[in-house]
Amino acid sequence: MTDHSEVDTVTGRSTTGHEWDGIKELNTPLPRWWVITFYLTIIWAIGYWIVYPAWPLISSNTTGWFGYSSRADVAVELASLEKIRGDKMVALGKAPLADIEKDPALLALARAKGKTVFGDNCAPCHGSGASGSKGYPNLNDDDWLWGGSLDQIMQTIQYGVRSGHSKTHEGQMLAFGKDGVLKADEIVTVANYVRSLAGLPTGQGFDKAKGEKLFADNCVSCHGEGGKGNQEMGAPNLTDKIWLYGSDEAALIETITNGRSGVMPAWEGRLDPATIKAMAVYVHSLGGGK
């Protein structure tokens, strides 16, 4: 192979033999310190792979010479924290639910524990500030489908809603359109009547008398006279302008046509009793508890 390298007359350095548009590439080696540092990083990486967990396997990973695990460190720290809280959590678990808010120490513990557990388990649906979103109730207001007393909140947390638990809250908005109970024009009329109950404007040509009769024949059994709701059935108050799925005509038509059957999981068995108490107290203290 022919060597096309030469010595550059300006710099006195040899070239690589590469030339582009009259520009010749100088053969300038990397500084020795840079090369040494580069090889040291390679040695460091190999050492890291050996000492610490680094490589994924089919069902696990290499554990490393030191057997270090950040997850294990967190578990140790959490265990230490639980040990510190141990006696207090035992006292929290034994205390009657109604007495916790009367004891400043237990109340502070319940709020702190409840806030942490809420963030880990409930915030994905109800939001980090418990303000809810479409289909997920706002826990800060005073509107409760299944009751906002301390006992009722705890029952809902324990057993959930339509969760499959034997003690869960059961109740379902019927699909009046899908099941053929109401015709399309009747659903529009009922939707506008429901809006009128909350003082919202109705569509042009709305027949209030017809809407009232349709509501009485199909909705009063759950939502009550005047649409004030029924917490025993989880039927919302339709007069307070607080809407879980939206108050516009299209949203109400969707609800009446296809029904609603949201699910809240039961936390009994997933969380220990003391933790469930703490979460109930925390939710109750957000401002909407009765």
Protein backbone atom coordinates (compact mmCIF):
# COMPACT_ATOMS: atom_id res chain seq x y z
CA MET A 1 0.00 0.00 0.00
CA THR A 2 1.40 3.38 -0.98
CA ASP A 3 2.10 5.79 1.84
CA HIS A 4 0.83 9.25 0.86
CA SER A 5 1.82 10.90 4.14
CA GLU A 6 4.23 13.80 4.10
CA VAL A 7 5.57 16.51 6.39
CA ASP A 8 3.56 19.71 6.46
CA THR A 9 5.89 22.63 5.72
CA VAL A 10 3.97 25.09 7.92
CA THR A 11 3.59 23.08 11.12
CA GLY A 12 6.38 20.61 10.64
CA ARG A 13 4.00 17.74 11.46
CA SER A 14 3.41 14.71 9.31
CA THR A 15 0.08 14.29 7.55
CA THR A 16 -2.21 11.27 7.37
CA GLY A 17 -2.17 11.29 3.59
CA HIS A 18 -5.81 12.42 3.44
CA GLU A 19 -6.57 15.53 1.44
CA TRP A 20 -9.84 17.31 0.66
CA ASP A 21 -9.99 20.28 -1.65
CA GLY A 22 -6.33 21.00 -1.06
CA ILE A 23 -6.66 20.76 2.72
CA LYS A 24 -4.38 18.11 4.20
CA GLU A 25 -5.14 16.34 7.47
CA LEU A 26 -2.39 16.56 10.05
CA ASN A 27 -1.52 13.47 12.02
CA THR A 28 -1.92 14.99 15.48
CA PRO A 29 -2.02 12.39 18.30
CA LEU A 30 -4.27 12.94 21.31
CA PRO A 31 -2.52 14.30 24.41
CA ARG A 32 -1.04 11.53 26.52
CA TRP A 33 -2.99 12.66 29.61
CA TRP A 34 -6.26 12.38 27.64
CA VAL A 35 -5.43 8.86 26.43
CA ILE A 36 -4.49 7.74 29.96
CA THR A 37 -7.74 9.20 31.33
CA PHE A 38 -9.73 7.42 28.64
CA TYR A 39 -8.21 4.04 29.49
CA LEU A 40 -8.73 4.68 33.20
CA THR A 41 -12.45 5.24 32.59
CA ILE A 42 -12.60 1.88 30.81
CA ILE A 43 -10.90 0.20 33.77
CA TRP A 44 -13.29 2.02 36.13
CA ALA A 45 -16.32 0.83 34.15
CA ILE A 46 -15.15 -2.79 34.24
CA GLY A 47 -14.54 -2.51 37.98
CA TYR A 48 -18.01 -1.00 38.47
CA TRP A 49 -19.61 -3.87 36.55
CA ILE A 50 -17.87 -6.33 38.88
CA VAL A 51 -18.48 -4.54 42.17
CA TYR A 52 -22.05 -3.24 41.72
CA PRO A 53 -25.26 -4.63 40.17
CA ALA A 54 -24.98 -3.74 36.52
CA TRP A 55 -26.05 -6.31 33.93
CA PRO A 56 -29.65 -7.44 33.34
CA LEU A 57 -30.28 -11.17 33.14
CA ILE A 58 -33.37 -13.07 31.95
CA SER A 59 -35.28 -12.81 35.22
CA SER A 60 -32.95 -10.82 37.49
CA ASN A 61 -29.61 -9.02 37.30
CA THR A 62 -26.00 -9.42 38.35
CA THR A 63 -25.76 -8.64 42.07
CA GLY A 64 -22.16 -7.41 42.05
CA TRP A 65 -19.31 -8.26 44.37
CA PHE A 66 -20.57 -5.91 47.10
CA GLY A 67 -24.18 -7.04 46.74
CA TYR A 68 -25.27 -3.40 46.99
CA SER A 69 -28.90 -2.46 46.31
CA SER A 70 -30.43 0.99 46.58
CA ARG A 71 -33.82 -0.73 46.97
CA ALA A 72 -32.47 -2.62 49.98
CA ASP A 73 -31.18 0.65 51.46
CA VAL A 74 -34.62 2.23 51.09
CA ALA A 75 -36.22 -0.83 52.68
CA VAL A 76 -33.86 -0.55 55.66
CA GLU A 77 -34.62 3.15 56.04
CA LEU A 78 -38.37 2.52 55.85
CA ALA A 79 -38.06 -0.29 58.40
CA SER A 80 -36.18 2.08 60.72
CA LEU A 81 -38.90 4.69 60.29
CA GLU A 82 -41.64 2.15 61.00
CA LYS A 83 -39.73 1.05 64.09
CA ILE A 84 -39.67 4.63 65.32
CA ARG A 85 -43.37 4.99 64.56
CA GLY A 86 -44.16 1.51 65.83
CA ASP A 87 -45.69 2.30 69.22
CA LYS A 88 -47.55 5.30 67.84
CA MET A 89 -48.98 3.29 64.95
CA VAL A 90 -50.09 0.60 67.40
CA ALA A 91 -51.85 3.28 69.42
CA LEU A 92 -53.40 4.65 66.23
CA GLY A 93 -54.65 1.19 65.29
CA LYS A 94 -56.22 0.64 68.72
CA ALA A 95 -57.81 4.07 69.07
CA PRO A 96 -61.50 4.41 68.15
CA LEU A 97 -61.78 6.28 64.88
CA ALA A 98 -63.75 9.16 66.42
CA ASP A 99 -61.11 9.68 69.15
CA ILE A 100 -58.16 10.12 66.79
CA GLU A 101 -59.11 13.67 65.80
CA LYS A 102 -59.47 14.56 69.49
CA ASP A 103 -55.88 13.59 70.28
CA PRO A 104 -53.41 16.13 68.82
CA ALA A 105 -50.53 13.61 68.71
CA LEU A 106 -52.58 10.88 67.03
CA LEU A 107 -54.17 13.39 64.67
CA ALA A 108 -50.75 14.70 63.56
CA LEU A 109 -49.50 11.14 63.00
CA ALA A 110 -52.63 10.14 61.09
CA ARG A 111 -52.43 13.18 58.83
CA ALA A 112 -48.74 12.68 58.10
CA LYS A 113 -49.13 8.94 57.46
CA GLY A 114 -52.36 9.41 55.54
CA LYS A 115 -50.87 12.06 53.27
CA THR A 116 -47.95 9.80 52.36
CA VAL A 117 -50.16 6.78 51.71
CA PHE A 118 -52.64 8.90 49.75
CA GLY A 119 -49.83 10.14 47.51
CA ASP A 120 -48.63 6.59 46.88
CA ASN A 121 -52.02 4.99 46.26
CA CYS A 122 -54.79 7.52 45.60
CA ALA A 123 -53.17 10.49 43.86
CA PRO A 124 -53.05 8.77 40.42
CA CYS A 125 -56.88 8.98 40.32
CA HIS A 126 -57.83 11.77 42.73
CA GLY A 127 -54.82 14.00 42.06
CA SER A 128 -51.96 14.96 44.37
CA GLY A 129 -54.15 17.61 45.99
CA ALA A 130 -57.23 15.34 46.02
CA SER A 131 -59.05 17.78 43.71
CA GLY A 132 -60.12 14.93 41.43
CA SER A 133 -60.76 14.99 37.69
CA LYS A 134 -63.43 13.82 35.26
CA GLY A 135 -64.80 10.57 36.68
CA TYR A 136 -62.82 10.89 39.93
CA PRO A 137 -64.41 12.79 42.84
CA ASN A 138 -62.94 15.94 44.35
CA LEU A 139 -62.30 15.08 48.00
CA ASN A 140 -61.93 18.72 49.07
CA ASP A 141 -65.53 19.77 48.50
CA ASP A 142 -68.62 18.88 50.51
CA ASP A 143 -70.24 16.64 47.90
CA TRP A 144 -70.09 12.92 48.70
CA LEU A 145 -71.62 10.06 46.73
CA TRP A 146 -71.40 7.61 49.64
CA GLY A 147 -71.20 9.98 52.60
CA GLY A 148 -68.50 12.24 54.01
CA SER A 149 -68.50 11.36 57.70
CA LEU A 150 -65.35 9.80 59.15
CA ASP A 151 -66.99 6.37 59.39
CA GLN A 152 -68.40 6.57 55.86
CA ILE A 153 -65.07 7.62 54.37
CA MET A 154 -63.31 4.76 56.12
CA GLN A 155 -65.92 2.29 54.88
CA THR A 156 -65.43 3.49 51.31
CA ILE A 157 -61.64 3.20 51.60
CA GLN A 158 -61.88 -0.26 53.14
CA TYR A 159 -64.34 -1.86 50.77
CA GLY A 160 -64.29 0.36 47.68
CA VAL A 161 -67.04 0.95 45.15
CA ARG A 162 -68.11 -1.87 42.81
CA SER A 163 -64.77 -3.45 43.73
CA GLY A 164 -65.95 -7.04 44.03
CA HIS A 165 -65.51 -7.04 47.81
CA SER A 166 -68.43 -8.60 49.67
CA LYS A 167 -68.98 -5.32 51.59
CA THR A 168 -68.35 -2.93 48.72
CA HIS A 169 -70.66 -0.06 47.83
CA GLU A 170 -72.98 -1.16 45.05
CA GLY A 171 -74.97 1.16 42.87
CA GLN A 172 -75.00 1.83 39.15
CA MET A 173 -76.32 4.44 36.80
CA LEU A 174 -78.51 2.55 34.35
CA ALA A 175 -77.94 2.72 30.59
CA PHE A 176 -81.38 4.06 29.67
CA GLY A 177 -80.53 4.46 26.01
CA LYS A 178 -78.44 1.36 25.41
CA ASP A 179 -80.98 -0.80 27.21
CA GLY A 180 -83.88 0.69 25.26
CA VAL A 181 -85.64 2.19 28.28
CA LEU A 182 -85.72 5.71 26.82
CA LYS A 183 -85.72 6.95 23.25
CA ALA A 184 -83.13 9.41 21.96
CA ASP A 185 -85.47 12.44 22.11
CA GLU A 186 -86.57 11.48 25.62
CA ILE A 187 -82.94 11.30 26.74
CA VAL A 188 -82.35 14.82 25.42
CA THR A 189 -85.40 16.00 27.34
CA VAL A 190 -84.25 14.35 30.58
CA ALA A 191 -80.74 15.77 30.13
CA ASN A 192 -82.13 19.28 29.84
CA TYR A 193 -84.45 18.75 32.79
CA VAL A 194 -81.47 17.69 34.91
CA ARG A 195 -79.65 20.84 33.81
CA SER A 196 -82.66 22.89 34.85
CA LEU A 197 -82.50 21.35 38.34
CA ALA A 198 -79.05 22.90 38.74
CA GLY A 199 -80.15 26.24 37.31
CA LEU A 200 -78.31 25.68 34.03
CA PRO A 201 -79.72 26.88 30.70
CA THR A 202 -81.76 24.40 28.67
CA GLY A 203 -81.99 23.76 24.94
CA GLN A 204 -84.43 25.49 22.64
CA GLY A 205 -87.87 23.90 22.66
CA PHE A 206 -87.31 22.11 25.97
CA ASP A 207 -90.55 20.71 27.37
CA LYS A 208 -90.16 20.98 31.14
CA ALA A 209 -93.40 19.16 31.96
CA LYS A 210 -92.36 16.19 29.83
CA GLY A 211 -88.88 16.22 31.37
CA GLU A 212 -90.33 16.28 34.87
CA LYS A 213 -92.55 13.27 34.12
CA LEU A 214 -89.72 11.29 32.52
CA PHE A 215 -87.51 12.10 35.50
CA ALA A 216 -90.23 11.04 37.96
CA ASP A 217 -90.85 7.78 36.11
CA ASN A 218 -87.19 6.79 35.70
CA CYS A 219 -84.86 8.74 37.98
CA VAL A 220 -86.60 9.64 41.23
CA SER A 221 -86.21 6.14 42.66
CA CYS A 222 -82.44 6.73 42.91
CA HIS A 223 -81.90 10.49 42.80
CA GLY A 224 -84.91 11.34 44.95
CA GLU A 225 -87.60 13.98 44.66
CA GLY A 226 -86.12 17.12 43.19
CA GLY A 227 -82.90 15.30 42.30
CA LYS A 228 -81.29 15.80 45.73
CA GLY A 229 -79.52 12.43 45.56
CA ASN A 230 -79.30 9.38 47.79
CA GLN A 231 -76.00 8.49 49.46
CA GLU A 232 -77.18 5.00 50.36
CA MET A 233 -77.27 4.23 46.64
CA GLY A 234 -74.38 6.46 45.60
CA ALA A 235 -76.80 8.57 43.53
CA PRO A 236 -75.45 12.11 43.21
CA ASN A 237 -77.24 15.32 44.04
CA LEU A 238 -78.16 16.83 40.68
CA THR A 239 -78.92 20.31 42.01
CA ASP A 240 -75.58 21.42 43.46
CA LYS A 241 -73.67 22.10 40.21
CA ILE A 242 -70.96 19.61 41.16
CA TRP A 243 -70.61 17.12 38.33
CA LEU A 244 -68.44 14.03 38.18
CA TYR A 245 -68.62 13.54 34.41
CA GLY A 246 -69.56 17.02 33.23
CA SER A 247 -72.74 19.10 33.10
CA ASP A 248 -72.98 20.01 29.42
CA GLU A 249 -75.83 18.48 27.43
CA ALA A 250 -73.59 16.08 25.52
CA ALA A 251 -72.03 14.72 28.73
CA LEU A 252 -75.44 14.19 30.33
CA ILE A 253 -76.78 12.48 27.22
CA GLU A 254 -73.76 10.16 27.29
CA THR A 255 -74.39 9.38 30.97
CA ILE A 256 -78.11 8.71 30.51
CA THR A 257 -77.57 6.70 27.32
CA ASN A 258 -74.73 4.42 28.45
CA GLY A 259 -74.77 4.71 32.23
CA ARG A 260 -71.79 5.08 34.57
CA SER A 261 -70.11 2.39 36.66
CA GLY A 262 -66.74 3.66 37.88
CA VAL A 263 -64.76 1.44 40.22
CA MET A 264 -62.81 2.30 43.35
CA PRO A 265 -60.60 -0.53 44.65
CA ALA A 266 -61.00 -1.95 48.14
CA TRP A 267 -57.92 -1.23 50.24
CA GLU A 268 -58.68 -3.77 52.96
CA GLY A 269 -56.01 -6.45 52.66
CA ARG A 270 -53.71 -4.13 50.71
CA LEU A 271 -53.16 -1.71 53.59
CA ASP A 272 -53.09 -2.54 57.29
CA PRO A 273 -55.99 -1.31 59.48
CA ALA A 274 -53.98 1.47 61.14
CA THR A 275 -52.92 2.84 57.76
CA ILE A 276 -56.52 2.78 56.50
CA LYS A 277 -57.56 4.71 59.60
CA ALA A 278 -54.82 7.25 58.94
CA MET A 279 -55.95 7.69 55.35
CA ALA A 280 -59.58 8.11 56.41
CA VAL A 281 -58.58 10.82 58.89
CA TYR A 282 -56.44 12.54 56.27
CA VAL A 283 -59.22 12.57 53.66
CA HIS A 284 -61.70 13.73 56.29
CA SER A 285 -59.38 16.61 57.21
CA LEU A 286 -59.06 17.91 53.65
CA GLY A 287 -62.05 20.17 54.20
CA GLY A 288 -64.99 18.31 52.76
CA GLY A 289 -65.52 15.81 55.54
CA LYS A 290 -68.73 16.05 57.54
